Amino acid sequence: QVQLVESGGGLVQAGGSLRLSCVASGIIYTINSMSWYCQAPGKQRDLVATITSGGETNYADSVKGRFTISRDNAKNTVYLQMNSLKPEDTGVYYCNFGDRIGQRYWGQGIQVTVSS
């Protein structure tokens, strides 16, 4: 059974930092992309950052220069370092993994709250 477990969320003041982690277990095929999404209250789930198996990264414009995505393939883990956090970064953050045959897997989500 595939399971993705996020950790590292919480409450932080504006300007602060958090580091999210997501570790996967039970995935049979090679993991290609690893991504983070955010769903703010009352809004759709939006892509925050993606990292490919080759290490290429892509970020939403709103987080460029503040967030950094990285991965540890040996541990099936993806990280999101979030610096200079803003109240508008508040939301539930989900990790998403895509394997080489096109299957996609979601974590259960973790709350990040940035107070002003």
Protein backbone atom coordinates (compact mmCIF):
# COMPACT_ATOMS: atom_id res chain seq x y z
CA GLN A 1 0.00 0.00 0.00
CA VAL A 2 1.35 3.39 -1.02
CA GLN A 3 1.64 5.94 1.71
CA LEU A 4 2.97 9.52 1.65
CA VAL A 5 3.45 11.19 5.00
CA GLU A 6 4.11 14.92 5.39
CA SER A 7 5.71 16.56 8.42
CA GLY A 8 7.12 19.90 9.48
CA GLY A 9 4.09 22.14 9.27
CA GLY A 10 2.81 24.44 11.98
CA LEU A 11 2.31 28.03 13.03
CA VAL A 12 4.98 30.62 12.31
CA GLN A 13 5.16 34.40 12.28
CA ALA A 14 5.55 36.32 9.06
CA GLY A 15 9.19 36.36 8.01
CA GLY A 16 9.87 33.02 9.63
CA SER A 17 10.82 29.67 8.13
CA LEU A 18 9.53 26.14 8.01
CA ARG A 19 10.83 22.96 6.39
CA LEU A 20 8.33 20.43 5.14
CA SER A 21 9.20 16.80 4.50
CA CYS A 22 7.29 14.07 2.72
CA VAL A 23 8.38 10.45 2.75
CA ALA A 24 6.85 7.77 0.56
CA SER A 25 6.57 4.06 1.13
CA GLY A 26 5.11 1.23 -0.91
CA ILE A 27 5.73 2.77 -4.35
CA ILE A 28 6.86 0.05 -6.71
CA TYR A 29 7.98 2.00 -9.75
CA THR A 30 10.69 4.65 -10.01
CA ILE A 31 9.52 8.04 -8.82
CA ASN A 32 9.88 10.69 -11.48
CA SER A 33 8.42 13.96 -10.27
CA MET A 34 7.98 15.12 -6.69
CA SER A 35 5.85 18.18 -6.06
CA TRP A 36 4.29 20.34 -3.38
CA TYR A 37 0.84 21.88 -3.68
CA CYS A 38 -0.96 24.34 -1.43
CA GLN A 39 -4.66 24.74 -0.85
CA ALA A 40 -5.55 28.00 0.83
CA PRO A 41 -8.91 28.34 2.60
CA GLY A 42 -11.71 28.59 0.05
CA LYS A 43 -9.36 28.19 -2.92
CA GLN A 44 -8.25 25.45 -5.28
CA ARG A 45 -5.14 23.37 -4.78
CA ASP A 46 -2.25 25.08 -6.57
CA LEU A 47 1.19 23.86 -7.55
CA VAL A 48 3.96 25.39 -5.42
CA ALA A 49 7.09 23.59 -6.63
CA THR A 50 8.21 20.55 -8.60
CA ILE A 51 11.48 18.66 -8.86
CA THR A 52 12.17 16.06 -11.53
CA SER A 53 14.25 12.92 -11.23
CA GLY A 54 17.07 14.83 -12.89
CA GLY A 55 16.92 17.60 -10.32
CA GLU A 56 15.23 20.24 -12.44
CA THR A 57 13.01 22.52 -10.39
CA ASN A 58 10.04 24.71 -11.13
CA TYR A 59 8.34 27.18 -8.80
CA ALA A 60 5.18 29.20 -8.69
CA ASP A 61 5.97 32.87 -9.21
CA SER A 62 4.70 33.72 -5.75
CA VAL A 63 7.37 31.62 -4.01
CA LYS A 64 10.39 32.09 -6.26
CA GLY A 65 13.42 33.19 -4.28
CA ARG A 66 11.80 32.19 -0.97
CA PHE A 67 11.09 28.45 -1.26
CA THR A 68 13.47 25.66 -2.22
CA ILE A 69 12.44 22.14 -3.17
CA SER A 70 14.89 19.26 -2.90
CA ARG A 71 14.77 15.49 -2.85
CA ASP A 72 16.58 12.46 -1.49
CA ASN A 73 15.95 9.59 -3.88
CA ALA A 74 17.48 7.00 -1.60
CA LYS A 75 14.95 7.91 1.07
CA ASN A 76 11.97 8.53 -1.28
CA THR A 77 11.71 11.92 0.38
CA VAL A 78 11.02 15.42 -0.85
CA TYR A 79 11.60 18.61 1.12
CA LEU A 80 10.30 22.14 0.89
CA GLN A 81 12.36 24.81 2.63
CA MET A 82 10.13 27.85 3.10
CA ASN A 83 11.79 31.12 4.06
CA SER A 84 10.47 34.66 4.44
CA LEU A 85 7.00 33.29 4.94
CA LYS A 86 4.00 35.53 4.33
CA PRO A 87 0.43 35.28 5.61
CA GLU A 88 -0.68 34.46 2.05
CA ASP A 89 1.42 31.27 2.22
CA THR A 90 -1.10 29.90 4.72
CA GLY A 91 -2.83 26.71 3.65
CA VAL A 92 -2.74 22.96 3.62
CA TYR A 93 0.36 21.69 1.86
CA TYR A 94 0.23 18.38 -0.01
CA CYS A 95 3.06 16.39 -1.51
CA ASN A 96 2.51 14.58 -4.77
CA PHE A 97 4.68 11.91 -6.36
CA GLY A 98 4.50 10.70 -9.94
CA ASP A 99 5.99 7.36 -10.96
CA ARG A 100 7.38 6.29 -14.32
CA ILE A 101 4.15 4.66 -15.48
CA GLY A 102 2.09 7.74 -14.84
CA GLN A 103 0.53 6.96 -11.49
CA ARG A 104 0.26 9.82 -9.05
CA TYR A 105 0.06 9.69 -5.28
CA TRP A 106 -0.99 12.31 -2.71
CA GLY A 107 -0.10 12.85 0.89
CA GLN A 108 -2.79 13.58 3.47
CA GLY A 109 -1.83 17.24 3.75
CA ILE A 110 -0.27 19.32 6.49
CA GLN A 111 -1.31 22.71 7.80
CA VAL A 112 0.95 25.74 7.50
CA THR A 113 -0.26 28.92 9.15
CA VAL A 114 1.63 32.20 8.89
CA SER A 115 0.52 34.92 11.27
CA SER A 116 0.97 38.61 10.51
